Amino acid sequence: MPTNECSFCSSQQRETFNHFKRICPRFHDARVAAHNKICECLSEARRNCGRKVLPKGWVLYEEPVFYSHCKITVLDIIRPSDIWREWLQTAHQDKLRTYEPLCRHCRAISNYADSNWEIRILPWVVGTRWLVLQCAQASALEFLELPRGSWQLVIESTVQAAVSALIFMHRASFSRTG
């Protein structure tokens, strides 16, 4: 008898896009690989921009954490479902709330803040299908002091990686290995 339950796992949850993209244990490795593809893409775009235009004094760490004279930031990539545009903003706000205690209670970070360093958490939100929070991304790129001429390339490359990641996950859903 046909059922709406996920045919890939035993969770007895409905087989939905959200279940596939975020929860189903069958696709955990595909989700990690998809996220890593976006991280690679963003890191490569930053390195390419950095070779040409990264301002003097910035040091790039691949977690990714950025450090400059009187600036520290953590750039955290998020791939929420973008079935509803509001979910992008919710994902952005959730990341800010998640990191807030770190910024307020971590002694190492608070020492910098007490010395008038500017510390920012920059959620990099790229929807699974292509939508982005362009205003938030522009703010992040501005804080990172990248020239405006490079912004579109960086944003587009991460969007392309998000779409490729979804295709990758889709192919994994039809794979019988793993």
Protein backbone atom coordinates (compact mmCIF):
# COMPACT_ATOMS: atom_id res chain seq x y z
CA MET A 1 0.00 0.00 0.00
CA PRO A 2 1.46 3.42 -0.97
CA THR A 3 2.54 5.67 1.90
CA ASN A 4 3.78 9.24 2.37
CA GLU A 5 6.52 8.04 4.75
CA CYS A 6 10.15 8.40 3.72
CA SER A 7 11.14 5.34 1.75
CA PHE A 8 14.83 5.85 2.52
CA CYS A 9 14.80 5.71 6.32
CA SER A 10 12.84 4.21 9.18
CA SER A 11 11.92 7.49 10.87
CA GLN A 12 8.28 7.20 9.81
CA GLN A 13 8.34 10.88 8.87
CA ARG A 14 6.69 12.23 5.74
CA GLU A 15 8.92 12.25 2.71
CA THR A 16 9.17 15.99 2.05
CA PHE A 17 11.78 18.32 0.63
CA ASN A 18 12.60 19.53 4.15
CA HIS A 19 13.03 15.96 5.40
CA PHE A 20 15.28 15.13 2.43
CA LYS A 21 17.37 18.30 2.75
CA ARG A 22 17.75 18.49 6.54
CA ILE A 23 16.81 15.31 8.37
CA CYS A 24 16.87 11.99 6.50
CA PRO A 25 19.85 9.98 7.78
CA ARG A 26 20.25 8.33 4.36
CA PHE A 27 21.43 11.67 2.93
CA HIS A 28 23.61 12.88 5.82
CA ASP A 29 26.84 12.36 3.86
CA ALA A 30 25.34 14.03 0.78
CA ARG A 31 24.29 17.04 2.91
CA VAL A 32 27.79 17.34 4.36
CA ALA A 33 29.35 17.04 0.90
CA ALA A 34 26.93 19.64 -0.47
CA HIS A 35 27.77 22.07 2.35
CA ASN A 36 31.48 21.46 1.78
CA LYS A 37 31.10 22.28 -1.92
CA ILE A 38 29.68 25.69 -1.00
CA CYS A 39 32.45 26.23 1.57
CA GLU A 40 35.06 25.36 -1.07
CA CYS A 41 33.45 27.71 -3.56
CA LEU A 42 33.31 30.59 -1.09
CA SER A 43 36.86 29.95 0.12
CA GLU A 44 38.14 29.90 -3.46
CA ALA A 45 36.32 33.12 -4.30
CA ARG A 46 37.74 34.78 -1.17
CA ARG A 47 41.25 33.52 -1.94
CA ASN A 48 40.99 34.74 -5.53
CA CYS A 49 39.73 38.12 -4.36
CA GLY A 50 42.37 38.09 -1.65
CA ARG A 51 45.21 37.63 -4.09
CA LYS A 52 44.03 40.64 -6.01
CA VAL A 53 42.21 42.86 -3.58
CA LEU A 54 42.28 41.67 0.04
CA PRO A 55 43.29 44.75 2.00
CA LYS A 56 46.68 44.87 3.65
CA GLY A 57 46.55 43.51 7.17
CA TRP A 58 43.82 40.91 6.61
CA VAL A 59 44.72 37.31 7.36
CA LEU A 60 42.42 34.57 6.08
CA TYR A 61 41.88 31.45 8.19
CA GLU A 62 39.89 28.67 6.58
CA GLU A 63 37.33 27.97 9.28
CA PRO A 64 36.43 30.67 7.98
CA VAL A 65 37.53 33.34 10.44
CA PHE A 66 38.86 36.67 9.25
CA TYR A 67 41.25 38.84 11.20
CA SER A 68 42.39 42.37 10.45
CA HIS A 69 43.59 45.40 12.30
CA CYS A 70 40.79 45.93 14.80
CA LYS A 71 38.32 43.58 13.06
CA ILE A 72 37.42 39.94 13.65
CA THR A 73 34.62 38.05 11.96
CA VAL A 74 33.28 34.54 11.69
CA LEU A 75 31.63 33.85 8.35
CA ASP A 76 29.19 30.96 8.78
CA ILE A 77 27.57 29.38 5.73
CA ILE A 78 23.92 28.34 6.03
CA ARG A 79 21.90 26.48 3.39
CA PRO A 80 18.27 26.76 4.48
CA SER A 81 15.34 25.74 2.38
CA ASP A 82 14.18 28.74 0.40
CA ILE A 83 10.69 27.49 -0.36
CA TRP A 84 9.56 30.54 1.61
CA ARG A 85 11.70 33.67 1.40
CA GLU A 86 11.09 34.35 5.11
CA TRP A 87 13.03 31.20 5.98
CA LEU A 88 16.22 32.87 4.77
CA GLN A 89 15.79 35.72 7.24
CA THR A 90 14.89 33.24 10.00
CA ALA A 91 18.06 31.21 9.32
CA HIS A 92 20.12 34.41 9.42
CA GLN A 93 18.62 35.51 12.74
CA ASP A 94 19.01 32.01 14.22
CA LYS A 95 22.75 32.06 13.45
CA LEU A 96 23.15 35.49 15.04
CA ARG A 97 21.39 34.23 18.19
CA THR A 98 23.51 31.07 18.21
CA TYR A 99 26.77 33.02 18.18
CA GLU A 100 25.69 35.81 20.52
CA PRO A 101 26.86 33.99 23.69
CA LEU A 102 30.25 33.36 22.10
CA CYS A 103 30.73 37.05 21.43
CA ARG A 104 29.59 38.06 24.92
CA HIS A 105 31.07 35.32 27.10
CA CYS A 106 34.23 34.07 25.41
CA ARG A 107 37.12 35.66 27.29
CA ALA A 108 39.45 35.74 24.27
CA ILE A 109 36.86 37.49 22.11
CA SER A 110 35.68 39.82 24.87
CA ASN A 111 39.28 40.93 25.42
CA TYR A 112 39.38 42.11 21.81
CA ALA A 113 35.99 43.79 22.17
CA ASP A 114 37.21 45.57 25.32
CA SER A 115 40.12 46.88 23.25
CA ASN A 116 37.69 48.45 20.75
CA TRP A 117 37.98 45.76 18.11
CA GLU A 118 34.95 45.36 15.88
CA ILE A 119 33.67 41.79 16.08
CA ARG A 120 30.97 40.48 13.76
CA ILE A 121 29.27 37.22 13.07
CA LEU A 122 28.34 37.12 9.40
CA PRO A 123 25.84 34.43 8.46
CA TRP A 124 26.23 33.69 4.74
CA VAL A 125 22.75 32.53 3.76
CA VAL A 126 22.34 30.74 0.44
CA GLY A 127 19.01 29.03 -0.17
CA THR A 128 19.06 25.51 -1.53
CA ARG A 129 17.52 26.58 -4.81
CA TRP A 130 19.09 30.01 -5.42
CA LEU A 131 17.61 32.70 -3.18
CA VAL A 132 19.97 34.80 -1.06
CA LEU A 133 19.78 37.59 1.49
CA GLN A 134 21.58 40.00 -0.77
CA CYS A 135 21.49 42.83 1.79
CA ALA A 136 23.15 40.63 4.43
CA GLN A 137 25.73 39.36 1.95
CA ALA A 138 26.51 42.91 0.83
CA SER A 139 26.96 43.90 4.47
CA ALA A 140 29.33 40.96 5.01
CA LEU A 141 31.38 41.78 1.91
CA GLU A 142 31.55 45.42 2.93
CA PHE A 143 32.75 44.49 6.43
CA LEU A 144 35.40 42.26 4.83
CA GLU A 145 36.48 45.33 2.83
CA LEU A 146 36.20 43.58 -0.52
CA PRO A 147 35.73 45.96 -3.42
CA ARG A 148 32.19 46.26 -4.71
CA GLY A 149 33.33 45.06 -8.13
CA SER A 150 33.99 41.58 -6.72
CA TRP A 151 30.71 41.22 -4.78
CA GLN A 152 28.59 39.90 -7.63
CA LEU A 153 31.14 37.23 -8.51
CA VAL A 154 31.38 36.03 -4.91
CA ILE A 155 27.60 35.94 -4.46
CA GLU A 156 26.96 34.25 -7.81
CA SER A 157 29.62 31.61 -7.26
CA THR A 158 28.11 30.57 -3.93
CA VAL A 159 24.61 30.52 -5.46
CA GLN A 160 25.88 28.28 -8.27
CA ALA A 161 27.48 26.01 -5.69
CA ALA A 162 24.17 25.83 -3.77
CA VAL A 163 22.29 24.75 -6.89
CA SER A 164 25.02 22.24 -7.74
CA ALA A 165 24.81 20.91 -4.19
CA LEU A 166 21.06 20.36 -4.54
CA ILE A 167 21.65 18.49 -7.81
CA PHE A 168 24.31 16.42 -6.04
CA MET A 169 21.85 15.54 -3.26
CA HIS A 170 19.16 14.72 -5.81
CA ARG A 171 21.51 12.31 -7.57
CA ALA A 172 22.39 10.76 -4.22
CA SER A 173 18.68 10.16 -3.58
CA PHE A 174 18.56 7.91 -6.63
CA SER A 175 21.81 6.15 -5.86
CA ARG A 176 21.45 2.73 -4.28
CA THR A 177 24.99 2.76 -2.87
CA GLY A 178 26.03 4.20 0.49
